[in-house]
Amino acid sequence: MAKVKKLQRVKTPHAVKFVHSGSDVFDCALGGGWARGRIANLVGDRSTGKTLCCCELCAVCLKTNLFYPDDKKSKVKVIYDLAEGSLDFDLKEMYDIDRDDIVWKHSNTVEEFDKTFSDELKTLSDDTLLVYILDSLDPLSSHEEQVLDAKQHKKMDNSKTEKVAKQKGTYGVGKAALMNRFFRRNALKVAQKEALLLIVSQTRQNIGVKFGPKKKRSSADALDFYESQEFWLAETEKIKKKPKKDRKEIVTGIRLRARNTKLKVGMPYREAEMAVLLNYGIDNVGSNIDFFYNLIDGWGRLKKQKKGVKQKLNWNGKDFTRNGLIAHVLGNKKRERKLTKRVKELWQEMEEAVAHGRKGKYSQ
């Protein structure tokens, strides 16, 4: 009987390391950013910026050093598994990254995804950060399902397909069971390699602005058990702009609300509001200003200004309109860093203000 190699657990506890999400406010809600060594799940209706958030993560990894805390790893490998088939964002125009900088995969089944991801972990060097994005989990089928479909459409010989199914070892095993097996085999390896696995899921029913009751997502039970970060996205408002005074408004972006329903690396039940601009991505500066100056109403929309009342946003003793302040800060690295610092300080102040203030339950 072959000897089974025992997988060693991490011997010493360590602080969680994070990767910047592209939005400082979203980082705060995430607990510090996308957590390394963990499995994360991003859920939302169609056209709610799920893929765009993934592209933003790719750009951060390939174009910046925004890893928290500062890391000594010198290499980053980004793998984008397009189970849905295609990605049409112009990454060069939006983020100045070449498509060849990303390793593209196209898994059709859970078994293919399992093998691809497992192989990447086996060959991953110690000085490399692996960021693997599966977009999305929903269209993945199983080998068994493909075999049955082939039989129904008479595309394959029945006796041959049965033989192949038995060789694969998945005959009679559903997608949910296969995903459970995948997580059981790989979750600890992800932690040991400090890799980041981000899985995208699409809801079968619209979440809506108020999110409402929890909607269905693919392989929910397996994800619930193994994930460390689970965020649900919902569109709250379309951002519009008039090309001319006598013309109708044109949609230039959307405003998103991200709510965490499970978070092991920070405080659960936190929300973040983000502005997303078409052909640009997450408007980090604009979203920071909206949060810092409390410009978003309870519905997740930008508060309307009264006619004749000039908006005053004080920045270092000088008043600005919202757009004026964005123009003042954007592109100036020193001002952008200062705004980021103020946003994180305000978030921490709010957390401390609602904390129970008690000592540890069993502290002396």
Protein backbone atom coordinates (compact mmCIF):
# COMPACT_ATOMS: atom_id res chain seq x y z
CA MET A 1 0.00 0.00 0.00
CA ALA A 2 1.37 3.41 -1.02
CA LYS A 3 2.42 5.66 1.83
CA VAL A 4 0.28 8.78 2.12
CA LYS A 5 2.29 11.96 2.62
CA LYS A 6 0.98 13.94 5.56
CA LEU A 7 0.41 17.64 4.86
CA GLN A 8 2.16 19.73 7.51
CA ARG A 9 0.23 22.57 9.09
CA VAL A 10 1.65 26.02 9.49
CA LYS A 11 3.66 25.89 12.73
CA THR A 12 3.53 29.53 13.84
CA PRO A 13 0.63 31.97 13.65
CA HIS A 14 1.19 35.07 11.55
CA ALA A 15 -0.65 38.23 10.74
CA VAL A 16 -2.84 38.18 7.65
CA LYS A 17 -1.32 39.83 4.59
CA PHE A 18 -3.48 41.74 2.13
CA VAL A 19 -3.58 42.91 -1.46
CA HIS A 20 -5.11 46.30 -2.30
CA SER A 21 -8.54 45.97 -3.93
CA GLY A 22 -8.27 49.21 -5.93
CA SER A 23 -10.53 51.05 -3.49
CA ASP A 24 -9.42 52.27 -0.05
CA VAL A 25 -12.99 52.21 1.29
CA PHE A 26 -13.45 48.67 -0.02
CA ASP A 27 -10.16 47.70 1.66
CA CYS A 28 -11.55 48.90 4.98
CA ALA A 29 -14.69 46.80 4.58
CA LEU A 30 -12.58 43.81 3.48
CA GLY A 31 -10.58 43.98 6.70
CA GLY A 32 -7.46 45.37 4.98
CA GLY A 33 -7.83 44.25 1.37
CA TRP A 34 -8.11 40.88 -0.36
CA ALA A 35 -6.57 38.41 2.10
CA ARG A 36 -3.61 36.30 1.05
CA GLY A 37 -3.56 32.67 2.04
CA ARG A 38 -7.35 32.71 1.94
CA ILE A 39 -10.30 31.97 -0.35
CA ALA A 40 -12.61 34.87 -1.20
CA ASN A 41 -15.99 34.97 -2.92
CA LEU A 42 -17.38 37.97 -4.82
CA VAL A 43 -21.10 37.71 -5.53
CA GLY A 44 -23.48 39.90 -7.49
CA ASP A 45 -26.13 40.35 -10.13
CA ARG A 46 -25.10 40.66 -13.74
CA SER A 47 -23.43 43.96 -14.66
CA THR A 48 -22.58 44.91 -11.08
CA GLY A 49 -18.84 45.26 -11.58
CA LYS A 50 -17.70 41.79 -10.47
CA THR A 51 -15.35 41.28 -13.41
CA LEU A 52 -14.20 44.88 -13.20
CA CYS A 53 -13.22 44.39 -9.55
CA CYS A 54 -11.20 41.37 -10.66
CA CYS A 55 -9.48 43.42 -13.38
CA GLU A 56 -8.71 46.07 -10.77
CA LEU A 57 -7.03 43.39 -8.63
CA CYS A 58 -4.97 42.26 -11.64
CA ALA A 59 -3.84 45.83 -12.29
CA VAL A 60 -2.88 46.38 -8.64
CA CYS A 61 -0.76 43.22 -8.64
CA LEU A 62 0.99 43.98 -11.93
CA LYS A 63 1.42 47.76 -11.71
CA THR A 64 1.78 48.66 -8.01
CA ASN A 65 3.37 47.47 -4.78
CA LEU A 66 0.24 47.93 -2.69
CA PHE A 67 0.55 44.82 -0.56
CA TYR A 68 -0.12 45.15 3.18
CA PRO A 69 2.09 44.92 5.09
CA ASP A 70 5.06 45.43 2.76
CA ASP A 71 6.16 42.06 1.45
CA LYS A 72 9.52 40.70 0.38
CA LYS A 73 8.12 38.54 -2.42
CA SER A 74 9.65 39.74 -5.67
CA LYS A 75 7.36 38.08 -8.20
CA VAL A 76 3.63 38.11 -8.82
CA LYS A 77 1.79 35.61 -11.00
CA VAL A 78 -1.77 36.49 -11.98
CA ILE A 79 -3.96 33.76 -13.45
CA TYR A 80 -7.40 34.64 -14.78
CA ASP A 81 -9.60 31.60 -15.36
CA LEU A 82 -12.36 32.73 -17.73
CA ALA A 83 -14.95 30.03 -17.29
CA GLU A 84 -17.52 32.38 -18.85
CA GLY A 85 -15.53 32.58 -22.08
CA SER A 86 -14.34 36.14 -22.71
CA LEU A 87 -13.27 39.43 -21.16
CA ASP A 88 -13.82 42.51 -23.28
CA PHE A 89 -12.38 45.29 -21.13
CA ASP A 90 -9.56 47.23 -22.77
CA LEU A 91 -6.95 46.53 -20.11
CA LYS A 92 -4.29 48.54 -21.94
CA GLU A 93 -6.39 51.70 -22.05
CA MET A 94 -7.78 51.36 -18.52
CA TYR A 95 -4.77 50.11 -16.58
CA ASP A 96 -1.82 50.17 -18.98
CA ILE A 97 -1.31 46.43 -18.67
CA ASP A 98 -0.84 44.01 -21.56
CA ARG A 99 -3.08 40.98 -21.78
CA ASP A 100 0.06 38.85 -22.05
CA ASP A 101 1.03 39.92 -18.51
CA ILE A 102 -1.87 37.76 -17.29
CA VAL A 103 -1.97 33.97 -17.63
CA TRP A 104 -5.34 33.11 -19.17
CA LYS A 105 -7.13 29.82 -18.51
CA HIS A 106 -10.51 28.54 -19.72
CA SER A 107 -11.81 25.78 -17.46
CA ASN A 108 -14.98 24.05 -18.58
CA THR A 109 -15.42 21.64 -15.70
CA VAL A 110 -14.70 21.57 -11.98
CA GLU A 111 -12.17 18.80 -12.65
CA GLU A 112 -10.25 21.02 -15.09
CA PHE A 113 -10.24 23.92 -12.65
CA ASP A 114 -9.10 21.61 -9.85
CA LYS A 115 -6.20 20.23 -11.87
CA THR A 116 -5.09 23.65 -13.16
CA PHE A 117 -5.12 25.27 -9.74
CA SER A 118 -3.48 22.31 -7.99
CA ASP A 119 -0.69 22.19 -10.58
CA GLU A 120 -0.02 25.89 -10.14
CA LEU A 121 0.32 25.50 -6.37
CA LYS A 122 2.72 22.55 -6.78
CA THR A 123 5.10 24.47 -9.06
CA LEU A 124 4.82 27.83 -7.24
CA SER A 125 8.17 29.15 -5.99
CA ASP A 126 8.51 30.58 -2.49
CA ASP A 127 9.25 34.11 -3.75
CA THR A 128 6.11 34.32 -5.91
CA LEU A 129 2.66 35.59 -4.98
CA LEU A 130 -0.06 33.66 -6.83
CA VAL A 131 -3.34 35.45 -7.49
CA TYR A 132 -5.86 33.09 -9.10
CA ILE A 133 -9.24 34.43 -10.24
CA LEU A 134 -12.08 32.12 -11.30
CA ASP A 135 -14.71 34.10 -13.22
CA SER A 136 -17.03 32.53 -12.60
CA LEU A 137 -17.97 29.35 -10.75
CA ASP A 138 -21.51 29.17 -12.15
CA PRO A 139 -20.87 27.95 -15.73
CA LEU A 140 -18.53 25.14 -14.64
CA SER A 141 -20.03 21.72 -15.15
CA SER A 142 -18.70 18.30 -14.21
CA HIS A 143 -17.26 15.60 -16.43
CA GLU A 144 -20.25 13.43 -15.61
CA GLU A 145 -22.63 16.13 -16.79
CA GLN A 146 -20.76 16.52 -20.08
CA VAL A 147 -20.87 12.79 -20.64
CA LEU A 148 -24.63 12.70 -20.08
CA ASP A 149 -25.12 15.64 -22.43
CA ALA A 150 -23.06 13.93 -25.07
CA LYS A 151 -25.17 10.80 -24.74
CA GLN A 152 -28.39 12.74 -25.09
CA HIS A 153 -27.23 14.44 -28.26
CA LYS A 154 -25.62 11.27 -29.64
CA LYS A 155 -22.27 13.00 -30.08
CA MET A 156 -20.26 10.19 -28.52
CA ASP A 157 -20.39 6.43 -28.35
CA ASN A 158 -22.27 5.43 -25.20
CA SER A 159 -19.98 2.58 -24.17
CA LYS A 160 -16.89 4.76 -24.67
CA THR A 161 -18.21 7.65 -22.61
CA GLU A 162 -19.08 5.36 -19.71
CA LYS A 163 -15.54 4.02 -19.74
CA VAL A 164 -14.05 7.51 -19.70
CA ALA A 165 -16.31 8.57 -16.87
CA LYS A 166 -15.17 5.66 -14.72
CA GLN A 167 -11.52 6.43 -15.46
CA LYS A 168 -12.00 10.02 -14.33
CA GLY A 169 -13.40 8.79 -11.04
CA THR A 170 -16.25 11.30 -10.96
CA TYR A 171 -19.15 9.28 -12.28
CA GLY A 172 -22.18 9.89 -10.07
CA VAL A 173 -20.49 12.79 -8.28
CA GLY A 174 -22.26 16.17 -8.47
CA LYS A 175 -20.72 19.59 -8.89
CA ALA A 176 -21.22 20.50 -5.23
CA ALA A 177 -19.42 17.35 -4.07
CA LEU A 178 -16.55 18.04 -6.47
CA MET A 179 -16.18 21.59 -5.15
CA ASN A 180 -16.16 20.29 -1.59
CA ARG A 181 -13.37 17.92 -2.54
CA PHE A 182 -11.46 20.74 -4.25
CA PHE A 183 -11.58 22.99 -1.18
CA ARG A 184 -10.76 20.15 1.19
CA ARG A 185 -7.63 19.30 -0.80
CA ASN A 186 -6.44 22.84 -1.50
CA ALA A 187 -7.51 25.20 1.31
CA LEU A 188 -4.53 24.43 3.54
CA LYS A 189 -2.12 24.61 0.59
CA VAL A 190 -3.47 28.06 -0.27
CA ALA A 191 -2.71 29.18 3.28
CA GLN A 192 0.80 27.71 3.26
CA LYS A 193 1.68 29.30 -0.09
CA GLU A 194 0.03 32.59 0.94
CA ALA A 195 -1.81 32.56 -2.39
CA LEU A 196 -5.07 34.38 -3.10
CA LEU A 197 -7.99 32.54 -4.69
CA LEU A 198 -10.87 34.82 -5.69
CA ILE A 199 -14.01 33.07 -6.92
CA VAL A 200 -16.76 35.04 -8.65
CA SER A 201 -20.40 33.95 -8.32
CA GLN A 202 -23.51 35.32 -9.99
CA THR A 203 -26.85 35.37 -8.22
CA ARG A 204 -29.80 33.66 -9.83
CA GLN A 205 -32.10 36.48 -8.72
CA ASN A 206 -31.39 40.18 -8.44
CA ILE A 207 -30.06 41.31 -5.07
CA GLY A 208 -31.52 44.81 -5.30
CA VAL A 209 -30.39 47.92 -3.47
CA LYS A 210 -31.52 46.65 -0.08
CA PHE A 211 -29.97 43.20 -0.72
CA GLY A 212 -33.04 41.55 0.80
CA PRO A 213 -32.95 37.86 1.73
CA LYS A 214 -29.85 35.94 0.76
CA LYS A 215 -30.10 34.78 -2.85
CA LYS A 216 -28.85 31.54 -4.32
CA ARG A 217 -25.32 31.05 -5.63
CA SER A 218 -23.53 28.05 -7.05
CA SER A 219 -21.90 25.62 -4.56
CA ALA A 220 -22.93 27.84 -1.65
CA ASP A 221 -22.40 25.18 1.03
CA ALA A 222 -18.81 24.48 0.03
CA LEU A 223 -17.98 28.18 -0.21
CA ASP A 224 -19.59 28.95 3.16
CA PHE A 225 -17.31 26.49 4.91
CA TYR A 226 -13.96 27.37 3.33
CA GLU A 227 -14.13 31.06 2.37
CA SER A 228 -12.70 33.84 4.54
CA GLN A 229 -14.22 36.80 2.68
CA GLU A 230 -17.67 36.92 1.09
CA PHE A 231 -18.89 40.15 -0.49
CA TRP A 232 -22.12 40.85 -2.32
CA LEU A 233 -22.30 43.65 -4.88
CA ALA A 234 -25.38 45.65 -5.84
CA GLU A 235 -25.82 48.63 -8.13
CA THR A 236 -27.35 51.58 -6.27
CA GLU A 237 -27.23 54.32 -8.88
CA LYS A 238 -26.21 55.06 -12.44
CA ILE A 239 -23.76 57.94 -12.81
CA LYS A 240 -24.91 60.24 -15.62
CA LYS A 241 -23.59 63.33 -17.34
CA LYS A 242 -25.02 65.74 -19.92
CA PRO A 243 -22.86 66.20 -23.03
CA LYS A 244 -24.64 69.53 -23.63
CA LYS A 245 -27.27 71.54 -21.78
CA ASP A 246 -29.97 70.73 -24.33
CA ARG A 247 -29.16 67.01 -24.50
CA LYS A 248 -30.21 64.01 -22.44
CA GLU A 249 -27.94 62.58 -19.80
CA ILE A 250 -25.61 59.75 -20.79
CA VAL A 251 -24.55 56.97 -18.40
CA THR A 252 -20.84 57.30 -17.57
CA GLY A 253 -20.63 54.83 -14.69
CA ILE A 254 -22.40 53.14 -11.80
CA ARG A 255 -22.31 53.38 -8.03
CA LEU A 256 -21.89 50.10 -6.18
CA ARG A 257 -22.55 48.95 -2.65
CA ALA A 258 -20.41 46.07 -1.40
CA ARG A 259 -21.61 44.30 1.73
CA ASN A 260 -19.76 41.53 3.53
CA THR A 261 -21.84 38.66 4.81
CA LYS A 262 -18.87 36.67 6.05
CA LEU A 263 -15.48 37.98 7.10
CA LYS A 264 -12.89 36.06 9.12
CA VAL A 265 -10.14 38.67 8.76
CA GLY A 266 -12.05 41.72 10.00
CA MET A 267 -15.38 42.97 11.29
CA PRO A 268 -18.39 41.35 9.57
CA TYR A 269 -21.48 43.18 8.30
CA ARG A 270 -19.57 46.17 6.94
CA GLU A 271 -20.41 48.02 3.73
CA ALA A 272 -18.47 50.07 1.20
CA GLU A 273 -19.74 52.45 -1.47
CA MET A 274 -17.73 52.68 -4.69
CA ALA A 275 -18.04 54.78 -7.83
CA VAL A 276 -17.11 52.90 -11.00
CA LEU A 277 -16.49 54.84 -14.22
CA LEU A 278 -16.81 53.28 -17.66
CA ASN A 279 -13.47 52.66 -19.43
CA TYR A 280 -11.66 53.72 -16.24
CA GLY A 281 -12.46 51.39 -13.38
CA ILE A 282 -12.97 52.13 -9.69
CA ASP A 283 -12.86 55.86 -8.93
CA ASN A 284 -10.80 55.52 -5.76
CA VAL A 285 -10.35 59.27 -5.17
CA GLY A 286 -14.03 60.03 -5.77
CA SER A 287 -15.15 57.14 -3.54
CA ASN A 288 -12.79 58.29 -0.77
CA ILE A 289 -14.18 61.83 -0.94
CA ASP A 290 -17.76 60.51 -0.86
CA PHE A 291 -16.99 58.52 2.29
CA PHE A 292 -14.85 61.10 4.07
CA TYR A 293 -17.34 63.96 3.56
CA ASN A 294 -20.43 61.73 3.99
CA LEU A 295 -21.84 62.53 0.56
CA ILE A 296 -23.78 59.26 0.11
CA ASP A 297 -27.39 58.93 1.28
CA GLY A 298 -28.96 55.85 2.86
CA TRP A 299 -29.85 54.41 -0.55
CA GLY A 300 -26.25 54.47 -1.72
CA ARG A 301 -26.76 57.47 -4.00
CA LEU A 302 -24.91 60.76 -4.14
CA LYS A 303 -26.78 63.36 -2.10
CA LYS A 304 -28.38 66.06 -4.23
CA GLN A 305 -27.40 69.64 -3.57
CA LYS A 306 -30.05 72.30 -3.10
CA LYS A 307 -30.32 74.84 -5.89
CA GLY A 308 -28.37 77.99 -5.16
CA VAL A 309 -26.41 76.36 -2.32
CA LYS A 310 -22.74 75.99 -3.13
CA GLN A 311 -21.19 72.75 -1.94
CA LYS A 312 -18.31 73.28 0.49
CA LEU A 313 -15.78 70.53 1.06
CA ASN A 314 -12.96 71.90 3.16
CA TRP A 315 -9.53 70.54 2.32
CA ASN A 316 -6.62 72.08 4.21
CA GLY A 317 -8.51 75.32 4.81
CA LYS A 318 -9.78 75.71 1.24
CA ASP A 319 -13.36 75.01 0.04
CA PHE A 320 -14.05 72.86 -3.00
CA THR A 321 -16.97 71.33 -4.85
CA ARG A 322 -16.89 67.54 -5.11
CA ASN A 323 -15.58 67.57 -8.68
CA GLY A 324 -13.22 70.40 -7.85
CA LEU A 325 -11.69 68.44 -4.98
CA ILE A 326 -11.34 65.32 -7.14
CA ALA A 327 -9.43 67.37 -9.71
CA HIS A 328 -7.29 68.89 -6.94
CA VAL A 329 -6.31 65.52 -5.44
CA LEU A 330 -6.22 63.23 -8.49
CA GLY A 331 -2.76 62.71 -9.92
CA ASN A 332 -0.99 64.26 -6.95
CA LYS A 333 0.51 61.26 -5.13
CA LYS A 334 1.09 63.18 -1.91
CA ARG A 335 -2.52 64.38 -1.72
CA GLU A 336 -3.84 60.96 -2.70
CA ARG A 337 -1.84 59.31 0.10
CA LYS A 338 -3.09 61.92 2.56
CA LEU A 339 -6.70 61.31 1.52
CA THR A 340 -6.20 57.55 1.89
CA LYS A 341 -4.77 58.06 5.37
CA ARG A 342 -7.70 60.26 6.41
CA VAL A 343 -10.22 57.72 5.11
CA LYS A 344 -8.62 54.85 7.05
CA GLU A 345 -8.34 56.97 10.20
CA LEU A 346 -12.02 57.92 9.97
CA TRP A 347 -13.01 54.26 9.43
CA GLN A 348 -11.03 53.29 12.53
CA GLU A 349 -12.59 56.12 14.55
CA MET A 350 -16.05 54.87 13.58
CA GLU A 351 -15.15 51.31 14.60
CA GLU A 352 -13.85 52.51 17.96
CA ALA A 353 -16.96 54.66 18.50
CA VAL A 354 -19.27 51.64 18.26
CA ALA A 355 -16.99 49.16 20.06
CA HIS A 356 -18.36 47.69 23.32
CA GLY A 357 -15.37 49.07 25.25
CA ARG A 358 -15.12 46.09 27.58
CA LYS A 359 -11.97 44.29 28.61
CA GLY A 360 -11.29 40.76 27.48
CA LYS A 361 -13.91 38.47 28.98
CA TYR A 362 -11.43 36.34 30.90
CA SER A 363 -8.61 38.85 31.27
CA GLN A 364 -7.29 39.40 34.79
